[in-house]
Amino acid sequence: MSKMPADIVLIDQAASLGEIQNAMLMMMRELYERMDEQSDPAPTHANAAAWGDGLSWLARSVGNIRDNLKQAVASEAKEAAR
């Protein structure tokens, strides 16, 4: 496996965190808009499934970033020990 410099990993992961933050803000905005609309019908099963898919993507993405950062830190520590 080729070594990827830590700064490249960090830049990539920071960009991923930006995408996750944007998705979370969009979901929050949608929730608040729905709460403000008194005549909005109750969510359907399809709506709930879509929200679940979105939240699942967010959770997996955060987990991937965590794992990538742990791997980058371990790789840097291994290199420093040499």
PDB file of N, CA and C in Angstrom:
ATOM      1  N   MET A   1       0.841  -1.169   0.000  1.00  0.00           N
ATOM      2  CA  MET A   1       0.000   0.000   0.000  1.00  0.00           C
ATOM      3  C   MET A   1       0.890   1.237   0.000  1.00  0.00           C
ATOM      4  N   SER A   2       0.624   2.169  -0.881  1.00  0.00           N
ATOM      5  CA  SER A   2       1.446   3.368  -0.952  1.00  0.00           C
ATOM      6  C   SER A   2       1.079   4.327   0.174  1.00  0.00           C
ATOM      7  N   LYS A   3       2.095   5.022   0.642  1.00  0.00           N
ATOM      8  CA  LYS A   3       1.884   5.963   1.726  1.00  0.00           C
ATOM      9  C   LYS A   3       1.346   7.271   1.159  1.00  0.00           C
ATOM     10  N   MET A   4       0.268   7.745   1.731  1.00  0.00           N
ATOM     11  CA  MET A   4      -0.299   9.018   1.332  1.00  0.00           C
ATOM     12  C   MET A   4       0.107  10.048   2.389  1.00  0.00           C
ATOM     13  N   PRO A   5       0.695  11.162   1.993  1.00  0.00           N
ATOM     14  CA  PRO A   5       1.109  12.169   2.976  1.00  0.00           C
ATOM     15  C   PRO A   5      -0.065  12.617   3.851  1.00  0.00           C
ATOM     16  N   ALA A   6       0.224  12.818   5.130  1.00  0.00           N
ATOM     17  CA  ALA A   6      -0.821  13.177   6.095  1.00  0.00           C
ATOM     18  C   ALA A   6      -1.543  14.459   5.710  1.00  0.00           C
ATOM     19  N   ASP A   7      -0.820  15.431   5.157  1.00  0.00           N
ATOM     20  CA  ASP A   7      -1.484  16.688   4.814  1.00  0.00           C
ATOM     21  C   ASP A   7      -2.529  16.499   3.719  1.00  0.00           C
ATOM     22  N   ILE A   8      -2.284  15.597   2.788  1.00  0.00           N
ATOM     23  CA  ILE A   8      -3.274  15.314   1.739  1.00  0.00           C
ATOM     24  C   ILE A   8      -4.492  14.634   2.344  1.00  0.00           C
ATOM     25  N   VAL A   9      -4.254  13.692   3.253  1.00  0.00           N
ATOM     26  CA  VAL A   9      -5.365  13.013   3.939  1.00  0.00           C
ATOM     27  C   VAL A   9      -6.194  14.029   4.706  1.00  0.00           C
ATOM     28  N   LEU A  10      -5.533  14.915   5.433  1.00  0.00           N
ATOM     29  CA  LEU A  10      -6.251  15.913   6.230  1.00  0.00           C
ATOM     30  C   LEU A  10      -7.060  16.859   5.355  1.00  0.00           C
ATOM     31  N   ILE A  11      -6.508  17.286   4.239  1.00  0.00           N
ATOM     32  CA  ILE A  11      -7.232  18.176   3.325  1.00  0.00           C
ATOM     33  C   ILE A  11      -8.462  17.464   2.768  1.00  0.00           C
ATOM     34  N   ASP A  12      -8.303  16.208   2.372  1.00  0.00           N
ATOM     35  CA  ASP A  12      -9.411  15.421   1.833  1.00  0.00           C
ATOM     36  C   ASP A  12     -10.499  15.214   2.882  1.00  0.00           C
ATOM     37  N   GLN A  13     -10.086  14.902   4.100  1.00  0.00           N
ATOM     38  CA  GLN A  13     -11.061  14.656   5.159  1.00  0.00           C
ATOM     39  C   GLN A  13     -11.771  15.941   5.571  1.00  0.00           C
ATOM     40  N   ALA A  14     -11.054  17.063   5.552  1.00  0.00           N
ATOM     41  CA  ALA A  14     -11.685  18.350   5.853  1.00  0.00           C
ATOM     42  C   ALA A  14     -12.768  18.669   4.814  1.00  0.00           C
ATOM     43  N   ALA A  15     -12.494  18.372   3.556  1.00  0.00           N
ATOM     44  CA  ALA A  15     -13.491  18.584   2.506  1.00  0.00           C
ATOM     45  C   ALA A  15     -14.703  17.690   2.736  1.00  0.00           C
ATOM     46  N   SER A  16     -14.460  16.448   3.137  1.00  0.00           N
ATOM     47  CA  SER A  16     -15.564  15.527   3.424  1.00  0.00           C
ATOM     48  C   SER A  16     -16.397  16.034   4.596  1.00  0.00           C
ATOM     49  N   LEU A  17     -15.734  16.548   5.617  1.00  0.00           N
ATOM     50  CA  LEU A  17     -16.467  17.099   6.758  1.00  0.00           C
ATOM     51  C   LEU A  17     -17.315  18.295   6.327  1.00  0.00           C
ATOM     52  N   GLY A  18     -16.823  19.083   5.392  1.00  0.00           N
ATOM     53  CA  GLY A  18     -17.601  20.201   4.869  1.00  0.00           C
ATOM     54  C   GLY A  18     -18.870  19.721   4.184  1.00  0.00           C
ATOM     55  N   GLU A  19     -18.758  18.651   3.412  1.00  0.00           N
ATOM     56  CA  GLU A  19     -19.938  18.084   2.748  1.00  0.00           C
ATOM     57  C   GLU A  19     -20.938  17.554   3.768  1.00  0.00           C
ATOM     58  N   ILE A  20     -20.438  16.905   4.805  1.00  0.00           N
ATOM     59  CA  ILE A  20     -21.316  16.379   5.848  1.00  0.00           C
ATOM     60  C   ILE A  20     -22.020  17.525   6.567  1.00  0.00           C
ATOM     61  N   GLN A  21     -21.268  18.571   6.887  1.00  0.00           N
ATOM     62  CA  GLN A  21     -21.870  19.722   7.561  1.00  0.00           C
ATOM     63  C   GLN A  21     -22.962  20.338   6.698  1.00  0.00           C
ATOM     64  N   ASN A  22     -22.721  20.491   5.411  1.00  0.00           N
ATOM     65  CA  ASN A  22     -23.735  21.047   4.515  1.00  0.00           C
ATOM     66  C   ASN A  22     -24.977  20.176   4.478  1.00  0.00           C
ATOM     67  N   ALA A  23     -24.805  18.869   4.441  1.00  0.00           N
ATOM     68  CA  ALA A  23     -25.946  17.962   4.432  1.00  0.00           C
ATOM     69  C   ALA A  23     -26.734  18.062   5.729  1.00  0.00           C
ATOM     70  N   MET A  24     -26.028  18.150   6.849  1.00  0.00           N
ATOM     71  CA  MET A  24     -26.712  18.266   8.136  1.00  0.00           C
ATOM     72  C   MET A  24     -27.480  19.586   8.229  1.00  0.00           C
ATOM     73  N   LEU A  25     -26.876  20.671   7.766  1.00  0.00           N
ATOM     74  CA  LEU A  25     -27.561  21.960   7.790  1.00  0.00           C
ATOM     75  C   LEU A  25     -28.804  21.942   6.905  1.00  0.00           C
ATOM     76  N   MET A  26     -28.711  21.282   5.743  1.00  0.00           N
ATOM     77  CA  MET A  26     -29.861  21.174   4.861  1.00  0.00           C
ATOM     78  C   MET A  26     -30.984  20.392   5.544  1.00  0.00           C
ATOM     79  N   MET A  27     -30.622  19.301   6.202  1.00  0.00           N
ATOM     80  CA  MET A  27     -31.635  18.496   6.882  1.00  0.00           C
ATOM     81  C   MET A  27     -32.262  19.282   8.041  1.00  0.00           C
ATOM     82  N   MET A  28     -31.449  20.004   8.796  1.00  0.00           N
ATOM     83  CA  MET A  28     -31.979  20.805   9.895  1.00  0.00           C
ATOM     84  C   MET A  28     -32.927  21.883   9.371  1.00  0.00           C
ATOM     85  N   ARG A  29     -32.525  22.552   8.296  1.00  0.00           N
ATOM     86  CA  ARG A  29     -33.359  23.596   7.706  1.00  0.00           C
ATOM     87  C   ARG A  29     -34.703  23.017   7.276  1.00  0.00           C
ATOM     88  N   GLU A  30     -34.666  21.846   6.661  1.00  0.00           N
ATOM     89  CA  GLU A  30     -35.900  21.188   6.220  1.00  0.00           C
ATOM     90  C   GLU A  30     -36.787  20.850   7.410  1.00  0.00           C
ATOM     91  N   LEU A  31     -36.195  20.343   8.472  1.00  0.00           N
ATOM     92  CA  LEU A  31     -36.972  20.025   9.672  1.00  0.00           C
ATOM     93  C   LEU A  31     -37.636  21.272  10.255  1.00  0.00           C
ATOM     94  N   TYR A  32     -36.873  22.355  10.374  1.00  0.00           N
ATOM     95  CA  TYR A  32     -37.437  23.585  10.925  1.00  0.00           C
ATOM     96  C   TYR A  32     -38.540  24.142  10.039  1.00  0.00           C
ATOM     97  N   GLU A  33     -38.371  24.061   8.732  1.00  0.00           N
ATOM     98  CA  GLU A  33     -39.420  24.530   7.826  1.00  0.00           C
ATOM     99  C   GLU A  33     -40.684  23.703   7.998  1.00  0.00           C
ATOM    100  N   ARG A  34     -40.527  22.408   8.161  1.00  0.00           N
ATOM    101  CA  ARG A  34     -41.698  21.538   8.348  1.00  0.00           C
ATOM    102  C   ARG A  34     -42.393  21.827   9.670  1.00  0.00           C
ATOM    103  N   MET A  35     -41.611  22.133  10.704  1.00  0.00           N
ATOM    104  CA  MET A  35     -42.205  22.442  12.005  1.00  0.00           C
ATOM    105  C   MET A  35     -42.992  23.743  11.939  1.00  0.00           C
ATOM    106  N   ASP A  36     -42.552  24.701  11.098  1.00  0.00           N
ATOM    107  CA  ASP A  36     -43.218  25.995  10.987  1.00  0.00           C
ATOM    108  C   ASP A  36     -44.510  25.919  10.188  1.00  0.00           C
ATOM    109  N   GLU A  37     -44.643  24.902   9.345  1.00  0.00           N
ATOM    110  CA  GLU A  37     -45.827  24.772   8.492  1.00  0.00           C
ATOM    111  C   GLU A  37     -46.877  23.939   9.233  1.00  0.00           C
ATOM    112  N   GLN A  38     -47.877  24.595   9.767  1.00  0.00           N
ATOM    113  CA  GLN A  38     -48.908  23.918  10.558  1.00  0.00           C
ATOM    114  C   GLN A  38     -49.778  23.001   9.699  1.00  0.00           C
ATOM    115  N   SER A  39     -49.971  23.352   8.440  1.00  0.00           N
ATOM    116  CA  SER A  39     -50.861  22.552   7.592  1.00  0.00           C
ATOM    117  C   SER A  39     -50.128  21.430   6.859  1.00  0.00           C
ATOM    118  N   ASP A  40     -48.848  21.262   7.134  1.00  0.00           N
ATOM    119  CA  ASP A  40     -48.067  20.230   6.461  1.00  0.00           C
ATOM    120  C   ASP A  40     -48.577  18.855   6.901  1.00  0.00           C
ATOM    121  N   PRO A  41     -48.869  17.970   5.953  1.00  0.00           N
ATOM    122  CA  PRO A  41     -49.341  16.637   6.333  1.00  0.00           C
ATOM    123  C   PRO A  41     -48.245  15.834   7.027  1.00  0.00           C
ATOM    124  N   ALA A  42     -48.661  14.843   7.767  1.00  0.00           N
ATOM    125  CA  ALA A  42     -47.710  13.973   8.464  1.00  0.00           C
ATOM    126  C   ALA A  42     -46.775  13.314   7.458  1.00  0.00           C
ATOM    127  N   PRO A  43     -45.535  13.045   7.870  1.00  0.00           N
ATOM    128  CA  PRO A  43     -44.596  12.403   6.948  1.00  0.00           C
ATOM    129  C   PRO A  43     -45.080  11.014   6.533  1.00  0.00           C
ATOM    130  N   THR A  44     -44.818  10.675   5.311  1.00  0.00           N
ATOM    131  CA  THR A  44     -45.167   9.349   4.816  1.00  0.00           C
ATOM    132  C   THR A  44     -44.031   8.384   5.119  1.00  0.00           C
ATOM    133  N   HIS A  45     -44.290   7.115   4.880  1.00  0.00           N
ATOM    134  CA  HIS A  45     -43.258   6.101   5.067  1.00  0.00           C
ATOM    135  C   HIS A  45     -42.068   6.390   4.160  1.00  0.00           C
ATOM    136  N   ALA A  46     -42.331   6.838   2.938  1.00  0.00           N
ATOM    137  CA  ALA A  46     -41.252   7.148   1.993  1.00  0.00           C
ATOM    138  C   ALA A  46     -40.409   8.313   2.510  1.00  0.00           C
ATOM    139  N   ASN A  47     -41.067   9.329   3.109  1.00  0.00           N
ATOM    140  CA  ASN A  47     -40.318  10.450   3.687  1.00  0.00           C
ATOM    141  C   ASN A  47     -39.397   9.964   4.795  1.00  0.00           C
ATOM    142  N   ALA A  48     -39.946   9.128   5.668  1.00  0.00           N
ATOM    143  CA  ALA A  48     -39.159   8.612   6.789  1.00  0.00           C
ATOM    144  C   ALA A  48     -37.984   7.779   6.276  1.00  0.00           C
ATOM    145  N   ALA A  49     -38.209   6.985   5.244  1.00  0.00           N
ATOM    146  CA  ALA A  49     -37.138   6.168   4.673  1.00  0.00           C
ATOM    147  C   ALA A  49     -36.052   7.056   4.074  1.00  0.00           C
ATOM    148  N   ALA A  50     -36.435   8.121   3.415  1.00  0.00           N
ATOM    149  CA  ALA A  50     -35.456   9.041   2.818  1.00  0.00           C
ATOM    150  C   ALA A  50     -34.630   9.716   3.907  1.00  0.00           C
ATOM    151  N   TRP A  51     -35.269  10.142   4.983  1.00  0.00           N
ATOM    152  CA  TRP A  51     -34.539  10.749   6.095  1.00  0.00           C
ATOM    153  C   TRP A  51     -33.594   9.724   6.720  1.00  0.00           C
ATOM    154  N   GLY A  52     -34.061   8.499   6.859  1.00  0.00           N
ATOM    155  CA  GLY A  52     -33.209   7.441   7.407  1.00  0.00           C
ATOM    156  C   GLY A  52     -32.001   7.185   6.530  1.00  0.00           C
ATOM    157  N   ASP A  53     -32.201   7.187   5.223  1.00  0.00           N
ATOM    158  CA  ASP A  53     -31.082   7.009   4.295  1.00  0.00           C
ATOM    159  C   ASP A  53     -30.071   8.145   4.432  1.00  0.00           C
ATOM    160  N   GLY A  54     -30.581   9.358   4.550  1.00  0.00           N
ATOM    161  CA  GLY A  54     -29.699  10.515   4.702  1.00  0.00           C
ATOM    162  C   GLY A  54     -28.894  10.451   5.991  1.00  0.00           C
ATOM    163  N   LEU A  55     -29.552  10.101   7.078  1.00  0.00           N
ATOM    164  CA  LEU A  55     -28.860   9.988   8.357  1.00  0.00           C
ATOM    165  C   LEU A  55     -27.855   8.841   8.347  1.00  0.00           C
ATOM    166  N   SER A  56     -28.205   7.761   7.677  1.00  0.00           N
ATOM    167  CA  SER A  56     -27.294   6.626   7.556  1.00  0.00           C
ATOM    168  C   SER A  56     -26.038   7.035   6.796  1.00  0.00           C
ATOM    169  N   TRP A  57     -26.206   7.799   5.710  1.00  0.00           N
ATOM    170  CA  TRP A  57     -25.058   8.287   4.950  1.00  0.00           C
ATOM    171  C   TRP A  57     -24.174   9.163   5.816  1.00  0.00           C
ATOM    172  N   LEU A  58     -24.796  10.044   6.599  1.00  0.00           N
ATOM    173  CA  LEU A  58     -24.018  10.918   7.478  1.00  0.00           C
ATOM    174  C   LEU A  58     -23.227  10.108   8.491  1.00  0.00           C
ATOM    175  N   ALA A  59     -23.856   9.128   9.110  1.00  0.00           N
ATOM    176  CA  ALA A  59     -23.179   8.305  10.118  1.00  0.00           C
ATOM    177  C   ALA A  59     -22.024   7.521   9.500  1.00  0.00           C
ATOM    178  N   ARG A  60     -22.247   6.923   8.339  1.00  0.00           N
ATOM    179  CA  ARG A  60     -21.176   6.171   7.668  1.00  0.00           C
ATOM    180  C   ARG A  60     -20.032   7.092   7.270  1.00  0.00           C
ATOM    181  N   SER A  61     -20.360   8.280   6.788  1.00  0.00           N
ATOM    182  CA  SER A  61     -19.335   9.227   6.363  1.00  0.00           C
ATOM    183  C   SER A  61     -18.469   9.669   7.530  1.00  0.00           C
ATOM    184  N   VAL A  62     -19.085   9.961   8.650  1.00  0.00           N
ATOM    185  CA  VAL A  62     -18.321  10.350   9.837  1.00  0.00           C
ATOM    186  C   VAL A  62     -17.428   9.198  10.284  1.00  0.00           C
ATOM    187  N   GLY A  63     -17.951   7.974  10.256  1.00  0.00           N
ATOM    188  CA  GLY A  63     -17.153   6.798  10.613  1.00  0.00           C
ATOM    189  C   GLY A  63     -15.971   6.602   9.672  1.00  0.00           C
ATOM    190  N   ASN A  64     -16.191   6.813   8.383  1.00  0.00           N
ATOM    191  CA  ASN A  64     -15.093   6.689   7.410  1.00  0.00           C
ATOM    192  C   ASN A  64     -14.011   7.721   7.659  1.00  0.00           C
ATOM    193  N   ILE A  65     -14.413   8.942   7.951  1.00  0.00           N
ATOM    194  CA  ILE A  65     -13.433   9.990   8.228  1.00  0.00           C
ATOM    195  C   ILE A  65     -12.643   9.643   9.484  1.00  0.00           C
ATOM    196  N   ARG A  66     -13.338   9.205  10.521  1.00  0.00           N
ATOM    197  CA  ARG A  66     -12.659   8.800  11.749  1.00  0.00           C
ATOM    198  C   ARG A  66     -11.627   7.714  11.462  1.00  0.00           C
ATOM    199  N   ASP A  67     -12.018   6.706  10.714  1.00  0.00           N
ATOM    200  CA  ASP A  67     -11.106   5.606  10.402  1.00  0.00           C
ATOM    201  C   ASP A  67      -9.914   6.077   9.569  1.00  0.00           C
ATOM    202  N   ASN A  68     -10.176   6.939   8.591  1.00  0.00           N
ATOM    203  CA  ASN A  68      -9.088   7.461   7.757  1.00  0.00           C
ATOM    204  C   ASN A  68      -8.106   8.290   8.570  1.00  0.00           C
ATOM    205  N   LEU A  69      -8.625   9.094   9.481  1.00  0.00           N
ATOM    206  CA  LEU A  69      -7.737   9.912  10.306  1.00  0.00           C
ATOM    207  C   LEU A  69      -6.927   9.047  11.274  1.00  0.00           C
ATOM    208  N   LYS A  70      -7.554   8.028  11.844  1.00  0.00           N
ATOM    209  CA  LYS A  70      -6.819   7.105  12.710  1.00  0.00           C
ATOM    210  C   LYS A  70      -5.702   6.422  11.943  1.00  0.00           C
ATOM    211  N   GLN A  71      -5.999   6.009  10.717  1.00  0.00           N
ATOM    212  CA  GLN A  71      -4.998   5.344   9.885  1.00  0.00           C
ATOM    213  C   GLN A  71      -3.857   6.296   9.542  1.00  0.00           C
ATOM    214  N   ALA A  72      -4.184   7.546   9.245  1.00  0.00           N
ATOM    215  CA  ALA A  72      -3.146   8.530   8.924  1.00  0.00           C
ATOM    216  C   ALA A  72      -2.262   8.800  10.128  1.00  0.00           C
ATOM    217  N   VAL A  73      -2.861   8.907  11.306  1.00  0.00           N
ATOM    218  CA  VAL A  73      -2.095   9.138  12.528  1.00  0.00           C
ATOM    219  C   VAL A  73      -1.185   7.938  12.812  1.00  0.00           C
ATOM    220  N   ALA A  74      -1.715   6.729  12.678  1.00  0.00           N
ATOM    221  CA  ALA A  74      -0.923   5.520  12.913  1.00  0.00           C
ATOM    222  C   ALA A  74       0.230   5.440  11.924  1.00  0.00           C
ATOM    223  N   SER A  75      -0.028   5.792  10.672  1.00  0.00           N
ATOM    224  CA  SER A  75       1.011   5.752   9.652  1.00  0.00           C
ATOM    225  C   SER A  75       2.112   6.766   9.958  1.00  0.00           C
ATOM    226  N   GLU A  76       1.712   7.950  10.370  1.00  0.00           N
ATOM    227  CA  GLU A  76       2.697   8.985  10.721  1.00  0.00           C
ATOM    228  C   GLU A  76       3.518   8.563  11.944  1.00  0.00           C
ATOM    229  N   ALA A  77       2.869   7.949  12.929  1.00  0.00           N
ATOM    230  CA  ALA A  77       3.577   7.494  14.127  1.00  0.00           C
ATOM    231  C   ALA A  77       4.568   6.400  13.768  1.00  0.00           C
ATOM    232  N   LYS A  78       4.159   5.506  12.857  1.00  0.00           N
ATOM    233  CA  LYS A  78       5.034   4.431  12.413  1.00  0.00           C
ATOM    234  C   LYS A  78       6.253   4.996  11.686  1.00  0.00           C
ATOM    235  N   GLU A  79       6.026   5.990  10.834  1.00  0.00           N
ATOM    236  CA  GLU A  79       7.120   6.627  10.104  1.00  0.00           C
ATOM    237  C   GLU A  79       8.060   7.354  11.066  1.00  0.00           C
ATOM    238  N   ALA A  80       7.507   8.017  12.072  1.00  0.00           N
ATOM    239  CA  ALA A  80       8.324   8.758  13.029  1.00  0.00           C
ATOM    240  C   ALA A  80       9.177   7.814  13.879  1.00  0.00           C
ATOM    241  N   ALA A  81       8.681   6.595  14.112  1.00  0.00           N
ATOM    242  CA  ALA A  81       9.401   5.621  14.934  1.00  0.00           C
ATOM    243  C   ALA A  81      10.580   5.015  14.183  1.00  0.00           C
ATOM    244  N   ARG A  82      10.586   5.135  12.871  1.00  0.00           N
ATOM    245  CA  ARG A  82      11.683   4.536  12.063  1.00  0.00           C
ATOM    246  C   ARG A  82      12.937   5.308  12.181  1.00  0.00           C
TER     247      ARG A  82
END
